[in-house]
């Protein structure tokens, strides 16, 4: 499991907003709303995976401890990423609202 995948996905998605492609091939324009939806969905999926693995281990099913630790770490990382993006968006909104017209 790649723990940096959610963060790289978020950064790649934000880089594509407004038609700015980070790769050689042109990607379709992605809205900030779509990027946020994707990150929220990744966060929910990571949380569900971590919960399922933890529950399976608690019920005595053969689950590798390494898989549980990786799933929980990925869930934590995606949640931290989502919270950071939310905090930055709220901060930007507050700064915009304080600008004189």
N, C-alpha and C. Protein backbone atom coordinates (compact mmCIF):
# COMPACT_ATOMS: atom_id res chain seq x y z
N UNK A 1 0.84 -1.18 0.00
CA UNK A 1 0.00 0.00 0.00
C UNK A 1 0.88 1.25 0.00
N UNK A 2 0.57 2.18 -0.85
CA UNK A 2 1.34 3.41 -0.95
C UNK A 2 0.68 4.49 -0.10
N UNK A 3 1.35 4.91 0.96
CA UNK A 3 0.77 5.89 1.87
C UNK A 3 0.75 7.29 1.28
N UNK A 4 1.60 7.58 0.31
CA UNK A 4 1.65 8.92 -0.27
C UNK A 4 0.65 9.11 -1.40
N UNK A 5 -0.05 8.06 -1.82
CA UNK A 5 -0.98 8.14 -2.95
C UNK A 5 -2.06 9.19 -2.77
N UNK A 6 -2.75 9.28 -1.59
CA UNK A 6 -3.79 10.30 -1.46
C UNK A 6 -3.26 11.72 -1.60
N UNK A 7 -2.10 11.97 -1.03
CA UNK A 7 -1.52 13.32 -1.09
C UNK A 7 -1.11 13.64 -2.52
N UNK A 8 -0.49 12.68 -3.21
CA UNK A 8 -0.09 12.90 -4.60
C UNK A 8 -1.31 13.11 -5.48
N UNK A 9 -2.38 12.37 -5.21
CA UNK A 9 -3.61 12.52 -5.98
C UNK A 9 -4.20 13.92 -5.78
N UNK A 10 -4.20 14.39 -4.54
CA UNK A 10 -4.72 15.72 -4.25
C UNK A 10 -3.89 16.79 -4.95
N UNK A 11 -2.58 16.68 -4.84
CA UNK A 11 -1.70 17.67 -5.46
C UNK A 11 -1.84 17.63 -6.97
N UNK A 12 -1.93 16.43 -7.54
CA UNK A 12 -2.12 16.31 -8.99
C UNK A 12 -3.44 16.90 -9.43
N UNK A 13 -4.50 16.68 -8.63
CA UNK A 13 -5.81 17.21 -8.96
C UNK A 13 -5.83 18.73 -8.90
N UNK A 14 -5.20 19.29 -7.89
CA UNK A 14 -5.15 20.75 -7.76
C UNK A 14 -4.32 21.34 -8.89
N UNK A 15 -3.25 20.65 -9.29
CA UNK A 15 -2.42 21.14 -10.38
C UNK A 15 -3.14 21.18 -11.71
N UNK A 16 -4.19 20.36 -11.85
CA UNK A 16 -4.94 20.32 -13.10
C UNK A 16 -6.07 21.32 -13.17
N UNK A 17 -6.35 22.02 -12.10
CA UNK A 17 -7.44 22.99 -12.10
C UNK A 17 -7.11 24.12 -13.06
N UNK A 18 -8.08 24.49 -13.86
CA UNK A 18 -7.89 25.58 -14.80
C UNK A 18 -7.15 25.16 -16.05
N UNK A 19 -7.01 23.87 -16.29
CA UNK A 19 -6.38 23.41 -17.51
C UNK A 19 -4.87 23.33 -17.44
N UNK A 20 -4.26 23.57 -16.30
CA UNK A 20 -2.82 23.47 -16.16
C UNK A 20 -2.49 22.01 -15.94
N UNK A 21 -1.87 21.40 -16.90
CA UNK A 21 -1.55 19.98 -16.81
C UNK A 21 -0.14 19.80 -16.27
N UNK A 22 0.00 18.89 -15.31
CA UNK A 22 1.31 18.66 -14.73
C UNK A 22 2.12 17.67 -15.56
N UNK A 23 1.47 16.89 -16.42
CA UNK A 23 2.16 15.92 -17.25
C UNK A 23 2.32 16.43 -18.66
N UNK A 24 2.85 15.55 -19.53
CA UNK A 24 3.06 15.94 -20.92
C UNK A 24 1.74 16.00 -21.69
N UNK A 25 0.84 15.06 -21.40
CA UNK A 25 -0.44 15.03 -22.10
C UNK A 25 -1.42 15.98 -21.42
N UNK A 26 -2.25 16.61 -22.21
CA UNK A 26 -3.24 17.54 -21.66
C UNK A 26 -4.37 16.76 -21.01
N UNK A 27 -4.67 17.08 -19.76
CA UNK A 27 -5.76 16.45 -19.04
C UNK A 27 -7.00 17.34 -19.13
N UNK A 28 -8.18 16.75 -19.04
CA UNK A 28 -9.38 17.59 -19.03
C UNK A 28 -9.38 18.49 -17.80
N UNK A 29 -10.03 19.62 -17.91
CA UNK A 29 -10.10 20.57 -16.82
C UNK A 29 -10.86 19.95 -15.65
N UNK A 30 -10.28 20.06 -14.47
CA UNK A 30 -10.90 19.53 -13.26
C UNK A 30 -11.25 20.69 -12.35
N UNK A 31 -12.47 20.71 -11.87
CA UNK A 31 -12.87 21.80 -10.98
C UNK A 31 -12.40 21.49 -9.56
N UNK A 32 -12.29 22.52 -8.77
CA UNK A 32 -11.88 22.35 -7.38
C UNK A 32 -12.90 21.50 -6.64
N UNK A 33 -14.16 21.63 -6.99
CA UNK A 33 -15.22 20.83 -6.38
C UNK A 33 -14.99 19.34 -6.66
N UNK A 34 -14.61 19.01 -7.89
CA UNK A 34 -14.35 17.62 -8.24
C UNK A 34 -13.14 17.07 -7.48
N UNK A 35 -12.13 17.91 -7.32
CA UNK A 35 -10.96 17.49 -6.56
C UNK A 35 -11.35 17.22 -5.12
N UNK A 36 -12.12 18.09 -4.52
CA UNK A 36 -12.54 17.90 -3.14
C UNK A 36 -13.41 16.66 -2.99
N UNK A 37 -14.32 16.43 -3.94
CA UNK A 37 -15.14 15.22 -3.89
C UNK A 37 -14.26 13.98 -3.94
N UNK A 38 -13.26 14.01 -4.80
CA UNK A 38 -12.35 12.87 -4.91
C UNK A 38 -11.58 12.62 -3.62
N UNK A 39 -11.11 13.68 -3.00
CA UNK A 39 -10.37 13.54 -1.76
C UNK A 39 -11.27 13.04 -0.64
N UNK A 40 -12.50 13.55 -0.58
CA UNK A 40 -13.45 13.09 0.43
C UNK A 40 -13.75 11.60 0.22
N UNK A 41 -13.97 11.21 -1.03
CA UNK A 41 -14.23 9.81 -1.32
C UNK A 41 -13.04 8.92 -0.96
N UNK A 42 -11.82 9.38 -1.25
CA UNK A 42 -10.63 8.63 -0.88
C UNK A 42 -10.52 8.50 0.64
N UNK A 43 -10.86 9.56 1.33
CA UNK A 43 -10.79 9.53 2.79
C UNK A 43 -11.79 8.53 3.36
N UNK A 44 -13.00 8.56 2.84
CA UNK A 44 -14.03 7.62 3.31
C UNK A 44 -13.63 6.19 3.00
N UNK A 45 -13.12 5.96 1.79
CA UNK A 45 -12.70 4.61 1.41
C UNK A 45 -11.56 4.11 2.29
N UNK A 46 -10.60 4.98 2.57
CA UNK A 46 -9.47 4.59 3.42
C UNK A 46 -9.94 4.28 4.84
N UNK A 47 -10.88 5.08 5.35
CA UNK A 47 -11.42 4.83 6.69
C UNK A 47 -12.15 3.49 6.73
N UNK A 48 -12.95 3.20 5.69
CA UNK A 48 -13.69 1.95 5.63
C UNK A 48 -12.75 0.74 5.56
N UNK A 49 -11.70 0.86 4.74
CA UNK A 49 -10.74 -0.23 4.61
C UNK A 49 -10.05 -0.50 5.94
N UNK A 50 -9.63 0.55 6.61
CA UNK A 50 -8.96 0.39 7.91
C UNK A 50 -9.92 -0.24 8.91
N UNK A 51 -11.16 0.18 8.91
CA UNK A 51 -12.15 -0.37 9.83
C UNK A 51 -12.41 -1.84 9.54
N UNK A 52 -12.55 -2.19 8.27
CA UNK A 52 -12.81 -3.57 7.89
C UNK A 52 -11.66 -4.49 8.30
N UNK A 53 -10.43 -4.05 8.06
CA UNK A 53 -9.28 -4.87 8.43
C UNK A 53 -9.17 -5.02 9.94
N UNK A 54 -9.42 -3.94 10.66
CA UNK A 54 -9.37 -3.99 12.12
C UNK A 54 -10.44 -4.92 12.67
N UNK A 55 -11.65 -4.83 12.13
CA UNK A 55 -12.73 -5.70 12.58
C UNK A 55 -12.44 -7.17 12.26
N UNK A 56 -11.87 -7.41 11.08
CA UNK A 56 -11.54 -8.78 10.71
C UNK A 56 -10.51 -9.36 11.68
N UNK A 57 -9.52 -8.57 12.04
CA UNK A 57 -8.51 -9.04 12.98
C UNK A 57 -9.12 -9.26 14.36
N UNK A 58 -10.03 -8.39 14.76
CA UNK A 58 -10.68 -8.53 16.07
C UNK A 58 -11.56 -9.77 16.13
N UNK A 59 -12.09 -10.19 14.98
CA UNK A 59 -12.95 -11.37 14.93
C UNK A 59 -12.14 -12.65 14.75
N UNK A 60 -10.82 -12.54 14.71
CA UNK A 60 -9.97 -13.71 14.64
C UNK A 60 -9.64 -14.17 13.23
N UNK A 61 -10.01 -13.40 12.23
CA UNK A 61 -9.69 -13.77 10.86
C UNK A 61 -8.20 -13.52 10.60
N UNK A 62 -7.61 -14.32 9.71
CA UNK A 62 -6.17 -14.15 9.44
C UNK A 62 -5.90 -12.88 8.61
N UNK A 63 -5.46 -11.85 9.29
CA UNK A 63 -5.12 -10.59 8.64
C UNK A 63 -3.72 -10.21 9.11
N UNK A 64 -2.85 -9.89 8.16
CA UNK A 64 -1.48 -9.50 8.51
C UNK A 64 -1.50 -8.17 9.26
N UNK A 65 -0.76 -8.11 10.34
CA UNK A 65 -0.69 -6.89 11.15
C UNK A 65 -0.15 -5.72 10.33
N UNK A 66 0.77 -6.02 9.41
CA UNK A 66 1.33 -4.97 8.56
C UNK A 66 0.24 -4.33 7.70
N UNK A 67 -0.70 -5.13 7.20
CA UNK A 67 -1.79 -4.59 6.39
C UNK A 67 -2.69 -3.67 7.21
N UNK A 68 -2.93 -4.06 8.45
CA UNK A 68 -3.76 -3.23 9.34
C UNK A 68 -3.07 -1.90 9.62
N UNK A 69 -1.80 -1.96 9.95
CA UNK A 69 -1.05 -0.74 10.27
C UNK A 69 -0.99 0.18 9.05
N UNK A 70 -0.76 -0.39 7.86
CA UNK A 70 -0.71 0.43 6.65
C UNK A 70 -2.07 1.05 6.34
N UNK A 71 -3.13 0.29 6.51
CA UNK A 71 -4.48 0.82 6.24
C UNK A 71 -4.83 1.94 7.21
N UNK A 72 -4.51 1.76 8.48
CA UNK A 72 -4.79 2.80 9.47
C UNK A 72 -3.93 4.03 9.20
N UNK A 73 -2.67 3.83 8.83
CA UNK A 73 -1.80 4.97 8.51
C UNK A 73 -2.29 5.73 7.30
N UNK A 74 -2.74 4.99 6.28
CA UNK A 74 -3.26 5.65 5.08
C UNK A 74 -4.54 6.42 5.41
N UNK A 75 -5.40 5.84 6.23
CA UNK A 75 -6.63 6.53 6.63
C UNK A 75 -6.30 7.80 7.39
N UNK A 76 -5.32 7.73 8.27
CA UNK A 76 -4.92 8.91 9.04
C UNK A 76 -4.34 9.99 8.13
N UNK A 77 -3.52 9.58 7.17
CA UNK A 77 -2.89 10.52 6.26
C UNK A 77 -3.93 11.21 5.38
N UNK A 78 -4.88 10.45 4.86
CA UNK A 78 -5.91 11.06 4.01
C UNK A 78 -6.79 12.01 4.81
N UNK A 79 -7.09 11.65 6.05
CA UNK A 79 -7.89 12.53 6.90
C UNK A 79 -7.14 13.83 7.22
N UNK A 80 -5.85 13.71 7.52
CA UNK A 80 -5.04 14.90 7.79
C UNK A 80 -4.97 15.80 6.56
N UNK A 81 -4.85 15.19 5.39
CA UNK A 81 -4.81 15.96 4.15
C UNK A 81 -6.11 16.71 3.94
N UNK A 82 -7.21 16.01 4.14
CA UNK A 82 -8.52 16.63 3.97
C UNK A 82 -8.73 17.78 4.95
N UNK A 83 -8.34 17.60 6.18
CA UNK A 83 -8.49 18.64 7.20
C UNK A 83 -7.62 19.85 6.85
N UNK A 84 -6.41 19.60 6.36
CA UNK A 84 -5.52 20.69 5.98
C UNK A 84 -6.10 21.49 4.82
N UNK A 85 -6.62 20.79 3.82
CA UNK A 85 -7.23 21.49 2.68
C UNK A 85 -8.43 22.31 3.14
N UNK A 86 -9.25 21.72 4.02
CA UNK A 86 -10.41 22.44 4.54
C UNK A 86 -9.97 23.70 5.29
N UNK A 87 -8.96 23.55 6.15
CA UNK A 87 -8.49 24.70 6.92
C UNK A 87 -7.96 25.80 6.01
N UNK A 88 -7.22 25.41 4.99
CA UNK A 88 -6.68 26.42 4.06
C UNK A 88 -7.80 27.09 3.27
N UNK A 89 -8.82 26.33 2.88
CA UNK A 89 -9.94 26.92 2.14
C UNK A 89 -10.71 27.90 3.01
N UNK A 90 -10.93 27.55 4.27
CA UNK A 90 -11.63 28.45 5.19
C UNK A 90 -10.80 29.71 5.42
N UNK A 91 -9.49 29.53 5.58
CA UNK A 91 -8.60 30.67 5.78
C UNK A 91 -8.63 31.61 4.57
N UNK A 92 -8.60 31.04 3.37
CA UNK A 92 -8.65 31.85 2.15
C UNK A 92 -9.98 32.59 2.05
N UNK A 93 -11.07 31.91 2.39
CA UNK A 93 -12.39 32.54 2.36
C UNK A 93 -12.45 33.71 3.34
N UNK A 94 -11.92 33.51 4.53
CA UNK A 94 -11.93 34.58 5.53
C UNK A 94 -11.10 35.77 5.07
N UNK A 95 -9.96 35.52 4.42
CA UNK A 95 -9.15 36.61 3.92
C UNK A 95 -9.87 37.38 2.81
N UNK A 96 -10.57 36.65 1.96
CA UNK A 96 -11.32 37.30 0.89
C UNK A 96 -12.44 38.16 1.47
N UNK A 97 -13.12 37.65 2.48
CA UNK A 97 -14.22 38.39 3.09
C UNK A 97 -13.74 39.64 3.82
N UNK A 98 -12.49 39.67 4.24
CA UNK A 98 -11.96 40.83 4.95
C UNK A 98 -11.40 41.89 4.00
N UNK A 99 -11.33 41.58 2.73
CA UNK A 99 -10.80 42.55 1.76
C UNK A 99 -11.78 43.71 1.60
N UNK A 100 -11.25 44.93 1.54
CA UNK A 100 -12.15 46.07 1.30
C UNK A 100 -12.64 46.05 -0.15
N UNK A 101 -13.86 46.48 -0.32
CA UNK A 101 -14.48 46.48 -1.66
C UNK A 101 -14.29 47.81 -2.32
